[in-house]
């Protein structure tokens, strides 16, 4: 039947599209192939992070990172295995990535792993070992740092 704007005969017929499909009435409720493996089991490398470097990407366990230091638009990462890795991420990006892994932003340009802190001085410096470079602690973050260290 052809409809045209001038004829109004038989235009009030109802068209039945069937029952609306809901989650319970769907016939095929198999997950897509990409969704099958998503969150189905914990992966052993969930503590790895990818760090972009000049050579490519380096994957490092977050438990082996001692500290991160902001250098202009790059970040210097000091680890247990390698002494230093320079990444193109800024310090703010690492603060987001490592916040849940026990890292603390002790200064504007420093992010430290609280598990490796060995010494805190009254002058406001944090040391990781006897021969390590001192990391400054901002005066405003002193109370938060000391409370975090008490709760470890």
C-alpha atoms as a PDB file:
ATOM      1  CA  UNK A   1       0.000   0.000   0.000  1.00  0.00           C
ATOM      2  CA  UNK A   2       1.448   3.296  -0.975  1.00  0.00           C
ATOM      3  CA  UNK A   3       0.943   6.209   1.351  1.00  0.00           C
ATOM      4  CA  UNK A   4       0.728   9.633   0.061  1.00  0.00           C
ATOM      5  CA  UNK A   5      -0.009  12.825   2.006  1.00  0.00           C
ATOM      6  CA  UNK A   6      -3.329  13.458   0.293  1.00  0.00           C
ATOM      7  CA  UNK A   7      -4.909  10.090   1.102  1.00  0.00           C
ATOM      8  CA  UNK A   8      -5.748   9.304   4.681  1.00  0.00           C
ATOM      9  CA  UNK A   9      -7.601   6.073   4.164  1.00  0.00           C
ATOM     10  CA  UNK A  10      -6.243   3.045   6.006  1.00  0.00           C
ATOM     11  CA  UNK A  11      -3.456   5.001   7.675  1.00  0.00           C
ATOM     12  CA  UNK A  12      -4.626   4.155  11.166  1.00  0.00           C
ATOM     13  CA  UNK A  13      -3.664   0.477  10.914  1.00  0.00           C
ATOM     14  CA  UNK A  14      -1.471  -0.760  13.739  1.00  0.00           C
ATOM     15  CA  UNK A  15       1.733  -2.459  12.919  1.00  0.00           C
ATOM     16  CA  UNK A  16       2.789  -5.152  15.375  1.00  0.00           C
ATOM     17  CA  UNK A  17       6.539  -5.311  15.908  1.00  0.00           C
ATOM     18  CA  UNK A  18       6.312  -8.070  18.469  1.00  0.00           C
ATOM     19  CA  UNK A  19       7.187  -8.050  22.123  1.00  0.00           C
ATOM     20  CA  UNK A  20       9.873  -5.571  23.212  1.00  0.00           C
ATOM     21  CA  UNK A  21      13.125  -7.335  23.978  1.00  0.00           C
ATOM     22  CA  UNK A  22      14.439  -7.016  27.520  1.00  0.00           C
ATOM     23  CA  UNK A  23      17.447  -8.566  29.194  1.00  0.00           C
ATOM     24  CA  UNK A  24      15.376 -11.525  30.408  1.00  0.00           C
ATOM     25  CA  UNK A  25      13.754 -12.248  27.027  1.00  0.00           C
ATOM     26  CA  UNK A  26      16.896 -11.998  24.884  1.00  0.00           C
ATOM     27  CA  UNK A  27      17.594 -15.276  23.160  1.00  0.00           C
ATOM     28  CA  UNK A  28      21.333 -14.876  22.775  1.00  0.00           C
ATOM     29  CA  UNK A  29      22.863 -13.541  25.973  1.00  0.00           C
ATOM     30  CA  UNK A  30      26.378 -14.824  25.357  1.00  0.00           C
ATOM     31  CA  UNK A  31      29.003 -12.137  26.021  1.00  0.00           C
ATOM     32  CA  UNK A  32      31.042 -10.883  23.132  1.00  0.00           C
ATOM     33  CA  UNK A  33      34.468 -12.396  22.597  1.00  0.00           C
ATOM     34  CA  UNK A  34      36.199  -9.272  23.947  1.00  0.00           C
ATOM     35  CA  UNK A  35      34.052  -9.303  27.094  1.00  0.00           C
ATOM     36  CA  UNK A  36      34.621 -12.972  27.939  1.00  0.00           C
ATOM     37  CA  UNK A  37      38.111 -12.494  29.336  1.00  0.00           C
ATOM     38  CA  UNK A  38      37.584  -9.061  30.822  1.00  0.00           C
ATOM     39  CA  UNK A  39      37.703  -9.343  34.647  1.00  0.00           C
ATOM     40  CA  UNK A  40      37.140 -13.086  34.532  1.00  0.00           C
ATOM     41  CA  UNK A  41      40.214 -13.875  36.609  1.00  0.00           C
ATOM     42  CA  UNK A  42      42.963 -11.790  38.219  1.00  0.00           C
ATOM     43  CA  UNK A  43      46.069 -11.433  36.127  1.00  0.00           C
ATOM     44  CA  UNK A  44      49.480 -12.065  37.719  1.00  0.00           C
ATOM     45  CA  UNK A  45      50.919  -8.819  36.329  1.00  0.00           C
ATOM     46  CA  UNK A  46      48.363  -6.391  37.757  1.00  0.00           C
ATOM     47  CA  UNK A  47      51.109  -4.459  39.561  1.00  0.00           C
ATOM     48  CA  UNK A  48      53.015  -3.773  36.359  1.00  0.00           C
ATOM     49  CA  UNK A  49      52.913  -0.353  34.776  1.00  0.00           C
ATOM     50  CA  UNK A  50      54.051   0.623  31.316  1.00  0.00           C
ATOM     51  CA  UNK A  51      56.546   3.471  31.250  1.00  0.00           C
ATOM     52  CA  UNK A  52      57.220   5.189  27.917  1.00  0.00           C
ATOM     53  CA  UNK A  53      60.936   5.780  27.375  1.00  0.00           C
ATOM     54  CA  UNK A  54      63.133   6.820  24.472  1.00  0.00           C
ATOM     55  CA  UNK A  55      63.627   3.191  23.404  1.00  0.00           C
ATOM     56  CA  UNK A  56      59.947   2.209  23.734  1.00  0.00           C
ATOM     57  CA  UNK A  57      57.920   0.933  26.693  1.00  0.00           C
ATOM     58  CA  UNK A  58      59.371  -0.548  29.863  1.00  0.00           C
ATOM     59  CA  UNK A  59      57.155  -2.590  32.133  1.00  0.00           C
ATOM     60  CA  UNK A  60      58.111  -2.309  35.790  1.00  0.00           C
ATOM     61  CA  UNK A  61      56.580  -3.780  38.915  1.00  0.00           C
ATOM     62  CA  UNK A  62      55.329  -0.942  41.124  1.00  0.00           C
ATOM     63  CA  UNK A  63      56.833  -2.608  44.195  1.00  0.00           C
ATOM     64  CA  UNK A  64      60.325  -2.111  42.756  1.00  0.00           C
ATOM     65  CA  UNK A  65      60.009   1.653  42.223  1.00  0.00           C
ATOM     66  CA  UNK A  66      61.737   3.612  44.994  1.00  0.00           C
ATOM     67  CA  UNK A  67      60.866   7.145  43.936  1.00  0.00           C
ATOM     68  CA  UNK A  68      59.920   9.410  41.027  1.00  0.00           C
ATOM     69  CA  UNK A  69      61.334  12.876  40.480  1.00  0.00           C
ATOM     70  CA  UNK A  70      59.849  15.437  38.131  1.00  0.00           C
ATOM     71  CA  UNK A  71      62.275  16.961  35.624  1.00  0.00           C
ATOM     72  CA  UNK A  72      60.535  19.714  33.636  1.00  0.00           C
ATOM     73  CA  UNK A  73      58.106  17.724  31.447  1.00  0.00           C
ATOM     74  CA  UNK A  74      59.757  14.337  32.072  1.00  0.00           C
ATOM     75  CA  UNK A  75      60.108  12.081  35.104  1.00  0.00           C
ATOM     76  CA  UNK A  76      63.159  10.337  36.543  1.00  0.00           C
ATOM     77  CA  UNK A  77      62.241   6.950  38.014  1.00  0.00           C
ATOM     78  CA  UNK A  78      64.632   5.311  40.480  1.00  0.00           C
ATOM     79  CA  UNK A  79      64.117   1.563  40.877  1.00  0.00           C
ATOM     80  CA  UNK A  80      65.804  -1.292  42.693  1.00  0.00           C
ATOM     81  CA  UNK A  81      67.009  -2.904  39.453  1.00  0.00           C
ATOM     82  CA  UNK A  82      68.029   0.096  37.351  1.00  0.00           C
ATOM     83  CA  UNK A  83      69.276   3.283  38.906  1.00  0.00           C
ATOM     84  CA  UNK A  84      67.311   5.631  36.686  1.00  0.00           C
ATOM     85  CA  UNK A  85      64.761   5.579  33.888  1.00  0.00           C
ATOM     86  CA  UNK A  86      63.623   8.763  32.183  1.00  0.00           C
ATOM     87  CA  UNK A  87      59.993   8.753  31.070  1.00  0.00           C
ATOM     88  CA  UNK A  88      58.050  11.161  28.905  1.00  0.00           C
ATOM     89  CA  UNK A  89      55.147  11.144  31.402  1.00  0.00           C
ATOM     90  CA  UNK A  90      55.050  14.078  33.807  1.00  0.00           C
ATOM     91  CA  UNK A  91      55.022  13.614  37.586  1.00  0.00           C
ATOM     92  CA  UNK A  92      51.259  14.193  37.758  1.00  0.00           C
ATOM     93  CA  UNK A  93      50.592  11.202  35.510  1.00  0.00           C
ATOM     94  CA  UNK A  94      52.700   8.976  37.779  1.00  0.00           C
ATOM     95  CA  UNK A  95      50.897  10.339  40.834  1.00  0.00           C
ATOM     96  CA  UNK A  96      47.602   9.123  39.303  1.00  0.00           C
ATOM     97  CA  UNK A  97      49.041   5.723  38.345  1.00  0.00           C
ATOM     98  CA  UNK A  98      50.814   5.000  41.632  1.00  0.00           C
ATOM     99  CA  UNK A  99      48.401   6.529  44.142  1.00  0.00           C
ATOM    100  CA  UNK A 100      46.868   3.159  45.055  1.00  0.00           C
ATOM    101  CA  UNK A 101      50.249   1.410  45.287  1.00  0.00           C
ATOM    102  CA  UNK A 102      51.471   3.090  48.482  1.00  0.00           C
ATOM    103  CA  UNK A 103      53.151   6.147  46.980  1.00  0.00           C
ATOM    104  CA  UNK A 104      53.094   9.573  48.595  1.00  0.00           C
ATOM    105  CA  UNK A 105      53.591  12.964  46.984  1.00  0.00           C
ATOM    106  CA  UNK A 106      56.019  14.536  49.454  1.00  0.00           C
ATOM    107  CA  UNK A 107      56.863  17.565  47.348  1.00  0.00           C
ATOM    108  CA  UNK A 108      55.726  19.255  44.172  1.00  0.00           C
ATOM    109  CA  UNK A 109      58.278  17.357  42.099  1.00  0.00           C
ATOM    110  CA  UNK A 110      58.754  14.150  44.119  1.00  0.00           C
ATOM    111  CA  UNK A 111      56.734  10.982  44.553  1.00  0.00           C
ATOM    112  CA  UNK A 112      58.049   8.376  46.990  1.00  0.00           C
ATOM    113  CA  UNK A 113      57.309   4.743  47.831  1.00  0.00           C
ATOM    114  CA  UNK A 114      56.657   4.675  51.575  1.00  0.00           C
ATOM    115  CA  UNK A 115      57.950   1.113  51.904  1.00  0.00           C
ATOM    116  CA  UNK A 116      61.522   2.206  51.162  1.00  0.00           C
ATOM    117  CA  UNK A 117      61.771   5.179  53.549  1.00  0.00           C
ATOM    118  CA  UNK A 118      64.652   4.656  56.004  1.00  0.00           C
ATOM    119  CA  UNK A 119      65.085   8.053  57.625  1.00  0.00           C
ATOM    120  CA  UNK A 120      63.331  11.386  58.112  1.00  0.00           C
ATOM    121  CA  UNK A 121      65.264  14.394  59.405  1.00  0.00           C
ATOM    122  CA  UNK A 122      63.941  17.415  61.280  1.00  0.00           C
ATOM    123  CA  UNK A 123      65.202  19.668  58.516  1.00  0.00           C
ATOM    124  CA  UNK A 124      62.549  18.133  56.265  1.00  0.00           C
ATOM    125  CA  UNK A 125      64.449  15.546  54.214  1.00  0.00           C
ATOM    126  CA  UNK A 126      63.646  11.907  53.524  1.00  0.00           C
ATOM    127  CA  UNK A 127      66.361   9.286  52.952  1.00  0.00           C
ATOM    128  CA  UNK A 128      65.963   5.839  51.434  1.00  0.00           C
ATOM    129  CA  UNK A 129      69.413   4.420  52.231  1.00  0.00           C
ATOM    130  CA  UNK A 130      72.716   5.700  53.570  1.00  0.00           C
ATOM    131  CA  UNK A 131      74.073   6.776  50.198  1.00  0.00           C
ATOM    132  CA  UNK A 132      70.808   8.021  48.656  1.00  0.00           C
ATOM    133  CA  UNK A 133      70.035  11.541  47.542  1.00  0.00           C
ATOM    134  CA  UNK A 134      67.864  13.369  50.106  1.00  0.00           C
ATOM    135  CA  UNK A 135      64.303  14.076  48.984  1.00  0.00           C
ATOM    136  CA  UNK A 136      62.669  17.256  50.337  1.00  0.00           C
ATOM    137  CA  UNK A 137      59.419  17.094  52.278  1.00  0.00           C
ATOM    138  CA  UNK A 138      57.105  20.091  51.907  1.00  0.00           C
ATOM    139  CA  UNK A 139      56.182  21.750  55.216  1.00  0.00           C
ATOM    140  CA  UNK A 140      52.496  21.533  54.374  1.00  0.00           C
ATOM    141  CA  UNK A 141      52.718  17.780  53.804  1.00  0.00           C
ATOM    142  CA  UNK A 142      54.700  16.938  56.946  1.00  0.00           C
ATOM    143  CA  UNK A 143      51.661  15.953  59.046  1.00  0.00           C
ATOM    144  CA  UNK A 144      50.174  13.818  56.270  1.00  0.00           C
ATOM    145  CA  UNK A 145      53.543  12.091  55.728  1.00  0.00           C
ATOM    146  CA  UNK A 146      54.001  11.294  59.423  1.00  0.00           C
ATOM    147  CA  UNK A 147      50.456   9.922  59.719  1.00  0.00           C
ATOM    148  CA  UNK A 148      50.972   7.741  56.625  1.00  0.00           C
ATOM    149  CA  UNK A 149      54.208   6.393  58.072  1.00  0.00           C
ATOM    150  CA  UNK A 150      52.480   5.531  61.364  1.00  0.00           C
ATOM    151  CA  UNK A 151      49.801   3.538  59.544  1.00  0.00           C
ATOM    152  CA  UNK A 152      52.229   1.359  57.583  1.00  0.00           C
END
